[in-house]
């Protein structure tokens, strides 16, 4: 494994965080009232939101929160791929549900990157477990002598 140059990582982050912010702005510019109103109105009633201004503010906050989580998750995935490419020749995986693959010390790692500890519901967890098993089987079928190690990479 190669040493990681933190100055290069800082440069990568500084350069690529700009696209995160540009994508945030673009998501707001493309937002329509129809899309904004897809949230469950009864939730807001239960929260005792009674004015139109409170409703719009709450809807925008909910939209931004879920949008930013997705965008930031994409940024963290690209950062993980960048670091793995610099340290051990890692690359973006073509396997469904797998974000990154690399080989280190005789082990072929298949990694799914998530941007926090509460990243999904139980069916999403099961789907990810199956995707990792499928990737592991695909690699083993290639008759590689390497051990295959699936990894859930939580960035938090």
C-alpha atoms as a PDB file:
ATOM      1  CA  UNK A   1       0.000   0.000   0.000  1.00  0.00           C
ATOM      2  CA  UNK A   2       1.346   3.407  -0.958  1.00  0.00           C
ATOM      3  CA  UNK A   3       1.572   6.274   1.502  1.00  0.00           C
ATOM      4  CA  UNK A   4      -1.184   8.837   1.286  1.00  0.00           C
ATOM      5  CA  UNK A   5      -0.171  12.390   0.475  1.00  0.00           C
ATOM      6  CA  UNK A   6      -2.541  14.514   2.566  1.00  0.00           C
ATOM      7  CA  UNK A   7      -1.801  17.640   0.531  1.00  0.00           C
ATOM      8  CA  UNK A   8      -3.059  15.835  -2.575  1.00  0.00           C
ATOM      9  CA  UNK A   9      -6.176  14.769  -0.678  1.00  0.00           C
ATOM     10  CA  UNK A  10      -6.781  18.353   0.485  1.00  0.00           C
ATOM     11  CA  UNK A  11      -6.410  19.523  -3.107  1.00  0.00           C
ATOM     12  CA  UNK A  12      -8.874  16.891  -4.298  1.00  0.00           C
ATOM     13  CA  UNK A  13     -11.388  17.857  -1.615  1.00  0.00           C
ATOM     14  CA  UNK A  14     -11.032  21.590  -2.250  1.00  0.00           C
ATOM     15  CA  UNK A  15     -11.461  21.104  -5.976  1.00  0.00           C
ATOM     16  CA  UNK A  16     -14.358  18.628  -5.818  1.00  0.00           C
ATOM     17  CA  UNK A  17     -16.372  20.157  -2.982  1.00  0.00           C
ATOM     18  CA  UNK A  18     -17.188  22.952  -5.428  1.00  0.00           C
ATOM     19  CA  UNK A  19     -19.239  20.535  -7.557  1.00  0.00           C
ATOM     20  CA  UNK A  20     -21.127  19.441  -4.417  1.00  0.00           C
ATOM     21  CA  UNK A  21     -22.198  23.050  -3.844  1.00  0.00           C
ATOM     22  CA  UNK A  22     -22.968  23.598  -7.531  1.00  0.00           C
ATOM     23  CA  UNK A  23     -25.184  20.503  -7.535  1.00  0.00           C
ATOM     24  CA  UNK A  24     -26.992  21.774  -4.393  1.00  0.00           C
ATOM     25  CA  UNK A  25     -27.757  25.061  -6.131  1.00  0.00           C
ATOM     26  CA  UNK A  26     -28.825  23.273  -9.323  1.00  0.00           C
ATOM     27  CA  UNK A  27     -31.236  21.041  -7.384  1.00  0.00           C
ATOM     28  CA  UNK A  28     -32.918  24.141  -5.955  1.00  0.00           C
ATOM     29  CA  UNK A  29     -33.029  25.858  -9.355  1.00  0.00           C
ATOM     30  CA  UNK A  30     -34.737  22.810 -10.871  1.00  0.00           C
ATOM     31  CA  UNK A  31     -37.185  22.378  -7.987  1.00  0.00           C
ATOM     32  CA  UNK A  32     -40.849  22.738  -8.896  1.00  0.00           C
ATOM     33  CA  UNK A  33     -43.806  23.278  -6.602  1.00  0.00           C
ATOM     34  CA  UNK A  34     -45.275  19.931  -7.697  1.00  0.00           C
ATOM     35  CA  UNK A  35     -42.098  18.139  -6.631  1.00  0.00           C
ATOM     36  CA  UNK A  36     -41.910  20.066  -3.381  1.00  0.00           C
ATOM     37  CA  UNK A  37     -45.477  19.112  -2.497  1.00  0.00           C
ATOM     38  CA  UNK A  38     -44.812  15.359  -2.683  1.00  0.00           C
ATOM     39  CA  UNK A  39     -44.159  15.202   1.062  1.00  0.00           C
ATOM     40  CA  UNK A  40     -46.944  13.831   3.259  1.00  0.00           C
ATOM     41  CA  UNK A  41     -49.078  16.833   4.315  1.00  0.00           C
ATOM     42  CA  UNK A  42     -50.351  15.013   7.404  1.00  0.00           C
ATOM     43  CA  UNK A  43     -46.842  14.937   8.823  1.00  0.00           C
ATOM     44  CA  UNK A  44     -46.729  18.711   8.772  1.00  0.00           C
ATOM     45  CA  UNK A  45     -50.201  18.945  10.279  1.00  0.00           C
ATOM     46  CA  UNK A  46     -49.069  16.618  13.073  1.00  0.00           C
ATOM     47  CA  UNK A  47     -46.101  18.929  13.655  1.00  0.00           C
ATOM     48  CA  UNK A  48     -48.652  21.741  14.155  1.00  0.00           C
ATOM     49  CA  UNK A  49     -47.585  23.719  11.131  1.00  0.00           C
ATOM     50  CA  UNK A  50     -50.517  25.993  10.464  1.00  0.00           C
ATOM     51  CA  UNK A  51     -49.355  28.795   8.166  1.00  0.00           C
ATOM     52  CA  UNK A  52     -48.357  28.643   4.532  1.00  0.00           C
ATOM     53  CA  UNK A  53     -44.968  30.181   5.308  1.00  0.00           C
ATOM     54  CA  UNK A  54     -44.240  27.493   7.919  1.00  0.00           C
ATOM     55  CA  UNK A  55     -45.306  24.788   5.482  1.00  0.00           C
ATOM     56  CA  UNK A  56     -43.092  26.042   2.636  1.00  0.00           C
ATOM     57  CA  UNK A  57     -40.124  26.491   5.002  1.00  0.00           C
ATOM     58  CA  UNK A  58     -40.556  22.964   6.374  1.00  0.00           C
ATOM     59  CA  UNK A  59     -40.963  21.477   2.894  1.00  0.00           C
ATOM     60  CA  UNK A  60     -37.828  23.239   1.647  1.00  0.00           C
ATOM     61  CA  UNK A  61     -35.837  22.121   4.682  1.00  0.00           C
ATOM     62  CA  UNK A  62     -36.954  18.509   4.187  1.00  0.00           C
ATOM     63  CA  UNK A  63     -36.142  18.646   0.469  1.00  0.00           C
ATOM     64  CA  UNK A  64     -32.705  20.159   1.062  1.00  0.00           C
ATOM     65  CA  UNK A  65     -31.852  17.692   3.796  1.00  0.00           C
ATOM     66  CA  UNK A  66     -32.566  14.602   1.684  1.00  0.00           C
ATOM     67  CA  UNK A  67     -31.004  16.173  -1.414  1.00  0.00           C
ATOM     68  CA  UNK A  68     -27.834  17.151   0.432  1.00  0.00           C
ATOM     69  CA  UNK A  69     -27.461  13.681   1.958  1.00  0.00           C
ATOM     70  CA  UNK A  70     -27.468  12.129  -1.516  1.00  0.00           C
ATOM     71  CA  UNK A  71     -25.088  14.715  -2.959  1.00  0.00           C
ATOM     72  CA  UNK A  72     -22.690  14.500  -0.022  1.00  0.00           C
ATOM     73  CA  UNK A  73     -22.797  10.702  -0.193  1.00  0.00           C
ATOM     74  CA  UNK A  74     -21.754  10.911  -3.847  1.00  0.00           C
ATOM     75  CA  UNK A  75     -18.889  13.230  -2.860  1.00  0.00           C
ATOM     76  CA  UNK A  76     -17.699  10.850  -0.120  1.00  0.00           C
ATOM     77  CA  UNK A  77     -17.854   7.913  -2.531  1.00  0.00           C
ATOM     78  CA  UNK A  78     -15.668   9.771  -5.032  1.00  0.00           C
ATOM     79  CA  UNK A  79     -13.244  10.686  -2.242  1.00  0.00           C
ATOM     80  CA  UNK A  80     -13.003   7.047  -1.131  1.00  0.00           C
ATOM     81  CA  UNK A  81     -12.293   5.971  -4.721  1.00  0.00           C
ATOM     82  CA  UNK A  82      -9.662   8.695  -5.043  1.00  0.00           C
ATOM     83  CA  UNK A  83      -7.881   7.652  -1.818  1.00  0.00           C
ATOM     84  CA  UNK A  84      -8.004   3.961  -2.780  1.00  0.00           C
ATOM     85  CA  UNK A  85      -6.644   4.748  -6.240  1.00  0.00           C
ATOM     86  CA  UNK A  86      -3.701   6.597  -4.692  1.00  0.00           C
ATOM     87  CA  UNK A  87      -2.904   4.051  -1.987  1.00  0.00           C
ATOM     88  CA  UNK A  88      -3.582   0.654  -3.562  1.00  0.00           C
ATOM     89  CA  UNK A  89      -4.726   0.998  -7.163  1.00  0.00           C
ATOM     90  CA  UNK A  90      -8.403   1.012  -6.254  1.00  0.00           C
ATOM     91  CA  UNK A  91     -11.049   1.807  -8.843  1.00  0.00           C
ATOM     92  CA  UNK A  92     -14.768   2.414  -9.282  1.00  0.00           C
ATOM     93  CA  UNK A  93     -16.534  -0.926  -9.365  1.00  0.00           C
ATOM     94  CA  UNK A  94     -18.842  -1.970 -12.184  1.00  0.00           C
ATOM     95  CA  UNK A  95     -20.703  -4.365  -9.875  1.00  0.00           C
ATOM     96  CA  UNK A  96     -24.206  -3.392  -8.797  1.00  0.00           C
ATOM     97  CA  UNK A  97     -24.281  -2.027  -5.245  1.00  0.00           C
ATOM     98  CA  UNK A  98     -20.483  -1.961  -5.032  1.00  0.00           C
ATOM     99  CA  UNK A  99     -18.744   1.404  -5.246  1.00  0.00           C
ATOM    100  CA  UNK A 100     -15.075   0.526  -5.026  1.00  0.00           C
ATOM    101  CA  UNK A 101     -12.713  -2.398  -5.539  1.00  0.00           C
ATOM    102  CA  UNK A 102      -9.065  -2.782  -4.654  1.00  0.00           C
ATOM    103  CA  UNK A 103      -6.498  -5.459  -3.878  1.00  0.00           C
ATOM    104  CA  UNK A 104      -4.257  -5.233  -0.837  1.00  0.00           C
ATOM    105  CA  UNK A 105      -1.980  -7.914   0.638  1.00  0.00           C
ATOM    106  CA  UNK A 106      -3.595 -10.738  -1.307  1.00  0.00           C
ATOM    107  CA  UNK A 107      -7.180  -9.732  -0.532  1.00  0.00           C
ATOM    108  CA  UNK A 108      -9.642  -8.416  -3.128  1.00  0.00           C
ATOM    109  CA  UNK A 109     -11.892  -5.901  -1.348  1.00  0.00           C
ATOM    110  CA  UNK A 110     -15.346  -4.989  -2.645  1.00  0.00           C
ATOM    111  CA  UNK A 111     -16.640  -1.912  -0.863  1.00  0.00           C
ATOM    112  CA  UNK A 112     -19.983  -0.178  -0.650  1.00  0.00           C
ATOM    113  CA  UNK A 113     -19.580   3.377   0.633  1.00  0.00           C
ATOM    114  CA  UNK A 114     -22.318   4.941   2.787  1.00  0.00           C
ATOM    115  CA  UNK A 115     -22.265   8.452   4.202  1.00  0.00           C
ATOM    116  CA  UNK A 116     -23.492   7.791   7.721  1.00  0.00           C
ATOM    117  CA  UNK A 117     -24.535   5.109  10.181  1.00  0.00           C
ATOM    118  CA  UNK A 118     -28.275   5.385   9.459  1.00  0.00           C
ATOM    119  CA  UNK A 119     -28.088   4.955   5.709  1.00  0.00           C
ATOM    120  CA  UNK A 120     -31.044   2.732   4.935  1.00  0.00           C
ATOM    121  CA  UNK A 121     -33.971   0.620   5.982  1.00  0.00           C
ATOM    122  CA  UNK A 122     -33.955  -3.149   6.482  1.00  0.00           C
ATOM    123  CA  UNK A 123     -34.817  -3.970   2.864  1.00  0.00           C
ATOM    124  CA  UNK A 124     -31.983  -1.719   1.640  1.00  0.00           C
ATOM    125  CA  UNK A 125     -29.605  -3.493   4.043  1.00  0.00           C
ATOM    126  CA  UNK A 126     -30.698  -6.892   2.676  1.00  0.00           C
ATOM    127  CA  UNK A 127     -30.279  -5.664  -0.919  1.00  0.00           C
ATOM    128  CA  UNK A 128     -26.780  -4.404  -0.184  1.00  0.00           C
ATOM    129  CA  UNK A 129     -25.832  -7.691   1.518  1.00  0.00           C
ATOM    130  CA  UNK A 130     -27.031  -9.564  -1.590  1.00  0.00           C
ATOM    131  CA  UNK A 131     -25.155  -7.189  -3.938  1.00  0.00           C
ATOM    132  CA  UNK A 132     -21.933  -7.752  -1.981  1.00  0.00           C
ATOM    133  CA  UNK A 133     -22.446 -11.535  -2.046  1.00  0.00           C
ATOM    134  CA  UNK A 134     -23.061 -11.400  -5.802  1.00  0.00           C
ATOM    135  CA  UNK A 135     -19.859  -9.388  -6.328  1.00  0.00           C
ATOM    136  CA  UNK A 136     -17.944 -11.857  -4.171  1.00  0.00           C
ATOM    137  CA  UNK A 137     -19.298 -14.792  -6.212  1.00  0.00           C
ATOM    138  CA  UNK A 138     -18.432 -13.074  -9.508  1.00  0.00           C
ATOM    139  CA  UNK A 139     -14.839 -12.551  -8.409  1.00  0.00           C
ATOM    140  CA  UNK A 140     -14.488 -16.106  -7.095  1.00  0.00           C
ATOM    141  CA  UNK A 141     -15.825 -17.466 -10.416  1.00  0.00           C
ATOM    142  CA  UNK A 142     -12.939 -15.749 -12.181  1.00  0.00           C
ATOM    143  CA  UNK A 143     -10.767 -18.346 -10.410  1.00  0.00           C
ATOM    144  CA  UNK A 144      -8.686 -15.744  -8.664  1.00  0.00           C
ATOM    145  CA  UNK A 145      -6.479 -17.127  -5.908  1.00  0.00           C
ATOM    146  CA  UNK A 146      -7.237 -14.051  -3.838  1.00  0.00           C
ATOM    147  CA  UNK A 147      -9.492 -14.028  -0.811  1.00  0.00           C
ATOM    148  CA  UNK A 148     -12.523 -11.785  -1.423  1.00  0.00           C
ATOM    149  CA  UNK A 149     -13.608  -9.453   1.377  1.00  0.00           C
ATOM    150  CA  UNK A 150     -16.873  -7.499   1.133  1.00  0.00           C
ATOM    151  CA  UNK A 151     -16.852  -4.269   3.152  1.00  0.00           C
ATOM    152  CA  UNK A 152     -19.520  -1.801   4.191  1.00  0.00           C
ATOM    153  CA  UNK A 153     -17.553   1.458   4.300  1.00  0.00           C
ATOM    154  CA  UNK A 154     -19.398   3.950   6.477  1.00  0.00           C
ATOM    155  CA  UNK A 155     -17.989   7.482   6.302  1.00  0.00           C
ATOM    156  CA  UNK A 156     -18.990   9.377   9.403  1.00  0.00           C
END
